[in-house]
Amino acid sequence: MEFELQHRPAYALLIAHLDPQETVVAEAGAMVSMSDGITLETSAGKKSDGLMGSLMKGLKRIVAGESFFQNRYTAKGAAGEVTFAPTLQGDIETTTLQGGTLYLQSTAYICSGEDIEVTAKWGGARTFFGGEGLVMLKATGTGPIAFNCFGAIKEVEVNGTFTVDTGHIVAFADGVQFRVHRFGGAWKSFLLGGEGLVCTFSGKGKVWIQTRNPHSFGEFLGKKLPPRQA
């Protein structure tokens, strides 16, 4: 399986090139097109998970802001391709897991190889106060995975400490610790500095950040909309 990216960074499109009998698993609604010979199966989990296992996986994804069902695209008999795109305009990034773990913000996941397991990961109060919800996505296994952002995406190799506004975090690799705190460490900076809460990563590993903040954009757009008529 090979992932190809086009039209970066503003309107990125991902093309999954599949060899015969290969399968790519994707978030529901992410598909743009597929070639002849691709079969589609919609399910909450793998057949090996059983009914209850698939049900629990689907419910966990709902809690994390994803769809209950996932789509599985398989190239039957001959090679084929499937294209995917995110809902918001922005970039797509890919990486390959070698038995490791990748943590993603909710709604960032697009697609992956069928050996990648994507579940919800409880984030506790740290992510709640960081404005990113109570859970995030946890991807584990071996194979390629693709995720999207709002705006352009930047990969950062953390070696020590690195601080990011919470609304600009897309993903980070296992082994990188994080702490959410007030910007500047004081309430005056938090209330008047305009930055709110930030996340400081520590350790050694990769962090992906986005150049635009979807929450801030939503607030800006909301102020421009006409008032709702009674």
C-alpha atoms as a PDB file:
ATOM      1  CA  MET A   1       0.000   0.000   0.000  1.00  0.00           C
ATOM      2  CA  GLU A   2       1.256   3.459  -0.889  1.00  0.00           C
ATOM      3  CA  PHE A   3      -0.168   6.837   0.113  1.00  0.00           C
ATOM      4  CA  GLU A   4       0.208   9.736  -2.335  1.00  0.00           C
ATOM      5  CA  LEU A   5      -0.622  13.347  -1.415  1.00  0.00           C
ATOM      6  CA  GLN A   6      -1.766  15.985  -3.905  1.00  0.00           C
ATOM      7  CA  HIS A   7      -2.938  19.631  -3.822  1.00  0.00           C
ATOM      8  CA  ARG A   8      -1.128  20.462  -0.591  1.00  0.00           C
ATOM      9  CA  PRO A   9      -1.372  22.335   1.669  1.00  0.00           C
ATOM     10  CA  ALA A  10      -4.709  24.153   1.340  1.00  0.00           C
ATOM     11  CA  TYR A  11      -6.895  21.487  -0.296  1.00  0.00           C
ATOM     12  CA  ALA A  12      -4.993  18.267   0.231  1.00  0.00           C
ATOM     13  CA  LEU A  13      -6.150  15.016  -1.355  1.00  0.00           C
ATOM     14  CA  LEU A  14      -4.880  11.551  -0.430  1.00  0.00           C
ATOM     15  CA  ILE A  15      -4.649   8.691  -2.935  1.00  0.00           C
ATOM     16  CA  ALA A  16      -4.328   5.194  -1.477  1.00  0.00           C
ATOM     17  CA  HIS A  17      -2.723   2.899  -4.068  1.00  0.00           C
ATOM     18  CA  LEU A  18      -3.694  -0.683  -3.268  1.00  0.00           C
ATOM     19  CA  ASP A  19      -2.129  -3.904  -4.480  1.00  0.00           C
ATOM     20  CA  PRO A  20      -4.456  -6.850  -5.178  1.00  0.00           C
ATOM     21  CA  GLN A  21      -6.251  -7.984  -1.984  1.00  0.00           C
ATOM     22  CA  GLU A  22      -4.968  -5.013   0.026  1.00  0.00           C
ATOM     23  CA  THR A  23      -7.407  -3.118   2.260  1.00  0.00           C
ATOM     24  CA  VAL A  24      -7.449   0.474   3.470  1.00  0.00           C
ATOM     25  CA  VAL A  25      -9.675   1.410   6.425  1.00  0.00           C
ATOM     26  CA  ALA A  26     -11.148   4.920   6.488  1.00  0.00           C
ATOM     27  CA  GLU A  27     -13.367   7.191   8.519  1.00  0.00           C
ATOM     28  CA  ALA A  28     -16.948   7.220   7.222  1.00  0.00           C
ATOM     29  CA  GLY A  29     -17.551  10.049   4.761  1.00  0.00           C
ATOM     30  CA  ALA A  30     -13.882  10.588   3.900  1.00  0.00           C
ATOM     31  CA  MET A  31     -13.953   8.937   0.461  1.00  0.00           C
ATOM     32  CA  VAL A  32     -13.857  11.116  -2.663  1.00  0.00           C
ATOM     33  CA  SER A  33     -13.563   8.442  -5.367  1.00  0.00           C
ATOM     34  CA  MET A  34     -12.487   4.858  -6.042  1.00  0.00           C
ATOM     35  CA  SER A  35     -11.426   2.929  -9.107  1.00  0.00           C
ATOM     36  CA  ASP A  36     -13.134  -0.058 -10.688  1.00  0.00           C
ATOM     37  CA  GLY A  37     -12.680  -3.330  -8.821  1.00  0.00           C
ATOM     38  CA  ILE A  38     -12.682  -1.801  -5.313  1.00  0.00           C
ATOM     39  CA  THR A  39     -15.162  -3.408  -2.939  1.00  0.00           C
ATOM     40  CA  LEU A  40     -16.605  -1.608   0.089  1.00  0.00           C
ATOM     41  CA  GLU A  41     -17.494  -3.131   3.432  1.00  0.00           C
ATOM     42  CA  THR A  42     -18.904  -1.025   6.269  1.00  0.00           C
ATOM     43  CA  SER A  43     -18.469  -2.299   9.815  1.00  0.00           C
ATOM     44  CA  ALA A  44     -17.674  -1.202  13.349  1.00  0.00           C
ATOM     45  CA  GLY A  45     -14.657  -3.506  13.584  1.00  0.00           C
ATOM     46  CA  LYS A  46     -12.887  -6.523  12.138  1.00  0.00           C
ATOM     47  CA  LYS A  47     -14.653  -9.860  11.770  1.00  0.00           C
ATOM     48  CA  SER A  48     -12.185 -11.310  14.278  1.00  0.00           C
ATOM     49  CA  ASP A  49     -13.422  -8.829  16.897  1.00  0.00           C
ATOM     50  CA  GLY A  50     -16.819 -10.499  17.096  1.00  0.00           C
ATOM     51  CA  LEU A  51     -20.120  -8.703  17.601  1.00  0.00           C
ATOM     52  CA  MET A  52     -19.453  -7.326  21.086  1.00  0.00           C
ATOM     53  CA  GLY A  53     -15.869  -6.347  20.269  1.00  0.00           C
ATOM     54  CA  SER A  54     -16.958  -4.430  17.179  1.00  0.00           C
ATOM     55  CA  LEU A  55     -19.771  -2.766  19.128  1.00  0.00           C
ATOM     56  CA  MET A  56     -17.409  -1.550  21.847  1.00  0.00           C
ATOM     57  CA  LYS A  57     -14.911  -0.221  19.295  1.00  0.00           C
ATOM     58  CA  GLY A  58     -17.655   1.686  17.496  1.00  0.00           C
ATOM     59  CA  LEU A  59     -18.931   3.216  20.736  1.00  0.00           C
ATOM     60  CA  LYS A  60     -15.425   4.287  21.717  1.00  0.00           C
ATOM     61  CA  ARG A  61     -14.978   6.052  18.386  1.00  0.00           C
ATOM     62  CA  ILE A  62     -18.261   7.934  18.894  1.00  0.00           C
ATOM     63  CA  VAL A  63     -17.030   9.145  22.283  1.00  0.00           C
ATOM     64  CA  ALA A  64     -13.882  10.431  20.562  1.00  0.00           C
ATOM     65  CA  GLY A  65     -15.894  12.363  17.963  1.00  0.00           C
ATOM     66  CA  GLU A  66     -15.515   9.829  15.145  1.00  0.00           C
ATOM     67  CA  SER A  67     -18.118   7.732  13.331  1.00  0.00           C
ATOM     68  CA  PHE A  68     -19.476   4.481  14.779  1.00  0.00           C
ATOM     69  CA  PHE A  69     -18.777   2.675  11.488  1.00  0.00           C
ATOM     70  CA  GLN A  70     -15.609   2.516   9.429  1.00  0.00           C
ATOM     71  CA  ASN A  71     -15.348   1.770   5.722  1.00  0.00           C
ATOM     72  CA  ARG A  72     -12.994  -0.941   4.460  1.00  0.00           C
ATOM     73  CA  TYR A  73     -11.942  -0.654   0.804  1.00  0.00           C
ATOM     74  CA  THR A  74     -10.351  -3.749  -0.768  1.00  0.00           C
ATOM     75  CA  ALA A  75      -8.788  -4.155  -4.208  1.00  0.00           C
ATOM     76  CA  LYS A  76     -10.248  -7.410  -5.520  1.00  0.00           C
ATOM     77  CA  GLY A  77      -8.361  -9.235  -8.264  1.00  0.00           C
ATOM     78  CA  ALA A  78      -6.286  -6.273  -9.453  1.00  0.00           C
ATOM     79  CA  ALA A  79      -4.593  -3.166  -8.122  1.00  0.00           C
ATOM     80  CA  GLY A  80      -6.748  -0.087  -7.544  1.00  0.00           C
ATOM     81  CA  GLU A  81      -6.913   3.262  -5.811  1.00  0.00           C
ATOM     82  CA  VAL A  82      -9.168   5.151  -3.429  1.00  0.00           C
ATOM     83  CA  THR A  83      -9.012   8.914  -2.830  1.00  0.00           C
ATOM     84  CA  PHE A  84      -9.836  10.617   0.468  1.00  0.00           C
ATOM     85  CA  ALA A  85     -10.191  14.200   1.704  1.00  0.00           C
ATOM     86  CA  PRO A  86     -11.023  15.822   5.053  1.00  0.00           C
ATOM     87  CA  THR A  87     -14.079  17.951   5.779  1.00  0.00           C
ATOM     88  CA  LEU A  88     -12.178  21.160   6.537  1.00  0.00           C
ATOM     89  CA  GLN A  89      -9.768  22.744   4.099  1.00  0.00           C
ATOM     90  CA  GLY A  90      -6.214  22.018   5.038  1.00  0.00           C
ATOM     91  CA  ASP A  91      -3.308  19.642   4.759  1.00  0.00           C
ATOM     92  CA  ILE A  92      -2.896  15.885   5.159  1.00  0.00           C
ATOM     93  CA  GLU A  93       0.117  14.142   6.673  1.00  0.00           C
ATOM     94  CA  THR A  94       1.114  10.488   6.624  1.00  0.00           C
ATOM     95  CA  THR A  95       3.410   8.412   8.775  1.00  0.00           C
ATOM     96  CA  THR A  96       4.177   4.725   9.229  1.00  0.00           C
ATOM     97  CA  LEU A  97       3.852   2.973  12.576  1.00  0.00           C
ATOM     98  CA  GLN A  98       6.200   0.124  13.397  1.00  0.00           C
ATOM     99  CA  GLY A  99       4.332  -1.389  16.318  1.00  0.00           C
ATOM    100  CA  GLY A 100       4.215   1.982  18.084  1.00  0.00           C
ATOM    101  CA  THR A 101       1.467   4.398  19.111  1.00  0.00           C
ATOM    102  CA  LEU A 102       0.275   7.709  17.721  1.00  0.00           C
ATOM    103  CA  TYR A 103      -2.144  10.032  19.551  1.00  0.00           C
ATOM    104  CA  LEU A 104      -4.465  12.183  17.428  1.00  0.00           C
ATOM    105  CA  GLN A 105      -6.822  15.014  18.180  1.00  0.00           C
ATOM    106  CA  SER A 106     -10.471  14.132  17.702  1.00  0.00           C
ATOM    107  CA  THR A 107     -11.586  14.185  14.014  1.00  0.00           C
ATOM    108  CA  ALA A 108      -7.980  14.143  12.681  1.00  0.00           C
ATOM    109  CA  TYR A 109      -8.005  10.514  11.528  1.00  0.00           C
ATOM    110  CA  ILE A 110      -8.606   9.856   7.812  1.00  0.00           C
ATOM    111  CA  CYS A 111      -7.444   6.334   6.942  1.00  0.00           C
ATOM    112  CA  SER A 112      -4.873   3.631   7.637  1.00  0.00           C
ATOM    113  CA  GLY A 113      -3.764   0.122   6.823  1.00  0.00           C
ATOM    114  CA  GLU A 114      -5.974  -2.632   8.223  1.00  0.00           C
ATOM    115  CA  ASP A 115      -3.362  -3.609  10.822  1.00  0.00           C
ATOM    116  CA  ILE A 116      -3.700  -0.228  12.546  1.00  0.00           C
ATOM    117  CA  GLU A 117      -6.107  -0.195  15.498  1.00  0.00           C
ATOM    118  CA  VAL A 118      -7.799   3.174  16.199  1.00  0.00           C
ATOM    119  CA  THR A 119      -9.585   3.552  19.539  1.00  0.00           C
ATOM    120  CA  ALA A 120     -10.511   6.253  22.023  1.00  0.00           C
ATOM    121  CA  LYS A 121      -7.994   7.238  24.684  1.00  0.00           C
ATOM    122  CA  TRP A 122      -9.150   8.931  27.888  1.00  0.00           C
ATOM    123  CA  GLY A 123      -7.390  12.255  28.268  1.00  0.00           C
ATOM    124  CA  GLY A 124      -8.649  13.304  31.682  1.00  0.00           C
ATOM    125  CA  ALA A 125      -8.758  16.879  32.910  1.00  0.00           C
ATOM    126  CA  ARG A 126      -5.605  17.842  31.020  1.00  0.00           C
ATOM    127  CA  THR A 127      -7.267  17.613  27.613  1.00  0.00           C
ATOM    128  CA  PHE A 128     -10.612  18.850  28.948  1.00  0.00           C
ATOM    129  CA  PHE A 129      -9.121  22.110  30.194  1.00  0.00           C
ATOM    130  CA  GLY A 130      -7.021  22.257  27.038  1.00  0.00           C
ATOM    131  CA  GLY A 131     -10.195  22.616  25.005  1.00  0.00           C
ATOM    132  CA  GLU A 132      -9.659  19.380  23.087  1.00  0.00           C
ATOM    133  CA  GLY A 133     -12.402  17.294  24.687  1.00  0.00           C
ATOM    134  CA  LEU A 134     -12.261  14.460  27.199  1.00  0.00           C
ATOM    135  CA  VAL A 135     -10.759  11.906  24.833  1.00  0.00           C
ATOM    136  CA  MET A 136      -8.343  11.659  21.958  1.00  0.00           C
ATOM    137  CA  LEU A 137      -7.672   8.956  19.396  1.00  0.00           C
ATOM    138  CA  LYS A 138      -5.049   6.284  19.960  1.00  0.00           C
ATOM    139  CA  ALA A 139      -3.628   4.523  16.883  1.00  0.00           C
ATOM    140  CA  THR A 140      -1.479   1.425  17.413  1.00  0.00           C
ATOM    141  CA  GLY A 141      -0.042  -1.303  15.216  1.00  0.00           C
ATOM    142  CA  THR A 142       2.067  -1.556  12.091  1.00  0.00           C
ATOM    143  CA  GLY A 143       1.419   0.167   8.784  1.00  0.00           C
ATOM    144  CA  PRO A 144       0.649   3.558   7.219  1.00  0.00           C
ATOM    145  CA  ILE A 145      -1.776   6.078   8.706  1.00  0.00           C
ATOM    146  CA  ALA A 146      -3.027   9.435   7.394  1.00  0.00           C
ATOM    147  CA  PHE A 147      -4.423  12.348   9.370  1.00  0.00           C
ATOM    148  CA  ASN A 148      -5.575  15.863   8.526  1.00  0.00           C
ATOM    149  CA  CYS A 149      -5.309  19.349   9.966  1.00  0.00           C
ATOM    150  CA  PHE A 150      -6.863  22.790   9.553  1.00  0.00           C
ATOM    151  CA  GLY A 151      -4.472  24.934   7.513  1.00  0.00           C
ATOM    152  CA  ALA A 152      -0.938  23.686   6.896  1.00  0.00           C
ATOM    153  CA  ILE A 153       0.834  21.096   9.020  1.00  0.00           C
ATOM    154  CA  LYS A 154       4.304  21.206  10.553  1.00  0.00           C
ATOM    155  CA  GLU A 155       6.250  18.269  11.945  1.00  0.00           C
ATOM    156  CA  VAL A 156       8.431  19.076  14.958  1.00  0.00           C
ATOM    157  CA  GLU A 157      11.166  16.846  16.378  1.00  0.00           C
ATOM    158  CA  VAL A 158      10.970  17.474  20.116  1.00  0.00           C
ATOM    159  CA  ASN A 159      14.170  16.959  22.057  1.00  0.00           C
ATOM    160  CA  GLY A 160      13.674  18.614  25.413  1.00  0.00           C
ATOM    161  CA  THR A 161      10.598  20.821  25.763  1.00  0.00           C
ATOM    162  CA  PHE A 162       8.287  22.423  23.217  1.00  0.00           C
ATOM    163  CA  THR A 163       5.185  24.553  23.882  1.00  0.00           C
ATOM    164  CA  VAL A 164       2.112  24.713  21.612  1.00  0.00           C
ATOM    165  CA  ASP A 165      -1.245  26.469  21.878  1.00  0.00           C
ATOM    166  CA  THR A 166      -3.744  23.684  22.562  1.00  0.00           C
ATOM    167  CA  GLY A 167      -5.858  24.553  19.508  1.00  0.00           C
ATOM    168  CA  HIS A 168      -2.923  23.922  17.176  1.00  0.00           C
ATOM    169  CA  ILE A 169      -2.088  20.350  18.247  1.00  0.00           C
ATOM    170  CA  VAL A 170      -2.779  17.660  15.649  1.00  0.00           C
ATOM    171  CA  ALA A 171      -0.861  14.565  16.782  1.00  0.00           C
ATOM    172  CA  PHE A 172       2.098  13.349  18.806  1.00  0.00           C
ATOM    173  CA  ALA A 173       4.047  10.132  19.079  1.00  0.00           C
ATOM    174  CA  ASP A 174       4.117   7.795  22.041  1.00  0.00           C
ATOM    175  CA  GLY A 175       6.898   8.595  24.481  1.00  0.00           C
ATOM    176  CA  VAL A 176       6.331  12.356  24.422  1.00  0.00           C
ATOM    177  CA  GLN A 177       4.861  13.589  27.693  1.00  0.00           C
ATOM    178  CA  PHE A 178       2.604  16.636  27.808  1.00  0.00           C
ATOM    179  CA  ARG A 179       1.305  19.132  30.366  1.00  0.00           C
ATOM    180  CA  VAL A 180      -1.465  21.703  29.816  1.00  0.00           C
ATOM    181  CA  HIS A 181      -1.096  24.963  31.721  1.00  0.00           C
ATOM    182  CA  ARG A 182      -1.874  28.674  31.619  1.00  0.00           C
ATOM    183  CA  PHE A 183       0.114  30.740  29.154  1.00  0.00           C
ATOM    184  CA  GLY A 184       2.942  32.468  30.986  1.00  0.00           C
ATOM    185  CA  GLY A 185       2.013  30.651  34.183  1.00  0.00           C
ATOM    186  CA  ALA A 186      -0.021  33.560  35.529  1.00  0.00           C
ATOM    187  CA  TRP A 187      -3.712  34.457  35.457  1.00  0.00           C
ATOM    188  CA  LYS A 188      -2.896  37.921  34.104  1.00  0.00           C
ATOM    189  CA  SER A 189      -1.296  36.404  31.008  1.00  0.00           C
ATOM    190  CA  PHE A 190      -4.144  33.926  30.719  1.00  0.00           C
ATOM    191  CA  LEU A 191      -6.843  36.604  30.809  1.00  0.00           C
ATOM    192  CA  LEU A 192      -5.103  39.447  28.976  1.00  0.00           C
ATOM    193  CA  GLY A 193      -2.443  37.803  26.829  1.00  0.00           C
ATOM    194  CA  GLY A 194      -4.896  36.333  24.346  1.00  0.00           C
ATOM    195  CA  GLU A 195      -3.215  32.921  24.306  1.00  0.00           C
ATOM    196  CA  GLY A 196      -5.311  30.994  26.830  1.00  0.00           C
ATOM    197  CA  LEU A 197      -3.985  27.534  27.649  1.00  0.00           C
ATOM    198  CA  VAL A 198      -0.900  25.959  26.128  1.00  0.00           C
ATOM    199  CA  CYS A 199       0.555  22.460  26.080  1.00  0.00           C
ATOM    200  CA  THR A 200       4.212  21.833  26.874  1.00  0.00           C
ATOM    201  CA  PHE A 201       5.629  18.619  25.456  1.00  0.00           C
ATOM    202  CA  SER A 202       8.733  17.071  26.967  1.00  0.00           C
ATOM    203  CA  GLY A 203      10.971  14.177  26.088  1.00  0.00           C
ATOM    204  CA  LYS A 204      12.003  13.045  22.639  1.00  0.00           C
ATOM    205  CA  GLY A 205       9.670  12.361  19.727  1.00  0.00           C
ATOM    206  CA  LYS A 206       7.517  13.868  17.005  1.00  0.00           C
ATOM    207  CA  VAL A 207       4.717  16.404  17.386  1.00  0.00           C
ATOM    208  CA  TRP A 208       2.540  17.651  14.514  1.00  0.00           C
ATOM    209  CA  ILE A 209       0.948  21.104  14.731  1.00  0.00           C
ATOM    210  CA  GLN A 210      -1.502  22.984  12.489  1.00  0.00           C
ATOM    211  CA  THR A 211      -1.195  26.606  11.372  1.00  0.00           C
ATOM    212  CA  ARG A 212      -4.870  27.408  11.976  1.00  0.00           C
ATOM    213  CA  ASN A 213      -7.092  26.937  15.013  1.00  0.00           C
ATOM    214  CA  PRO A 214     -10.555  25.542  14.107  1.00  0.00           C
ATOM    215  CA  HIS A 215     -12.066  26.694  17.409  1.00  0.00           C
ATOM    216  CA  SER A 216     -10.911  30.266  16.931  1.00  0.00           C
ATOM    217  CA  PHE A 217     -12.091  30.207  13.320  1.00  0.00           C
ATOM    218  CA  GLY A 218     -15.512  28.969  14.410  1.00  0.00           C
ATOM    219  CA  GLU A 219     -15.816  31.780  16.962  1.00  0.00           C
ATOM    220  CA  PHE A 220     -14.767  34.372  14.378  1.00  0.00           C
ATOM    221  CA  LEU A 221     -17.207  33.029  11.805  1.00  0.00           C
ATOM    222  CA  GLY A 222     -20.024  32.880  14.315  1.00  0.00           C
ATOM    223  CA  LYS A 223     -19.736  36.598  15.014  1.00  0.00           C
ATOM    224  CA  LYS A 224     -20.145  37.351  11.302  1.00  0.00           C
ATOM    225  CA  LEU A 225     -23.329  35.334  10.858  1.00  0.00           C
ATOM    226  CA  PRO A 226     -26.680  37.139  10.953  1.00  0.00           C
ATOM    227  CA  PRO A 227     -28.738  36.622  14.114  1.00  0.00           C
ATOM    228  CA  ARG A 228     -31.210  33.753  14.054  1.00  0.00           C
ATOM    229  CA  GLN A 229     -34.729  34.821  13.264  1.00  0.00           C
ATOM    230  CA  ALA A 230     -37.329  34.026  15.905  1.00  0.00           C
END
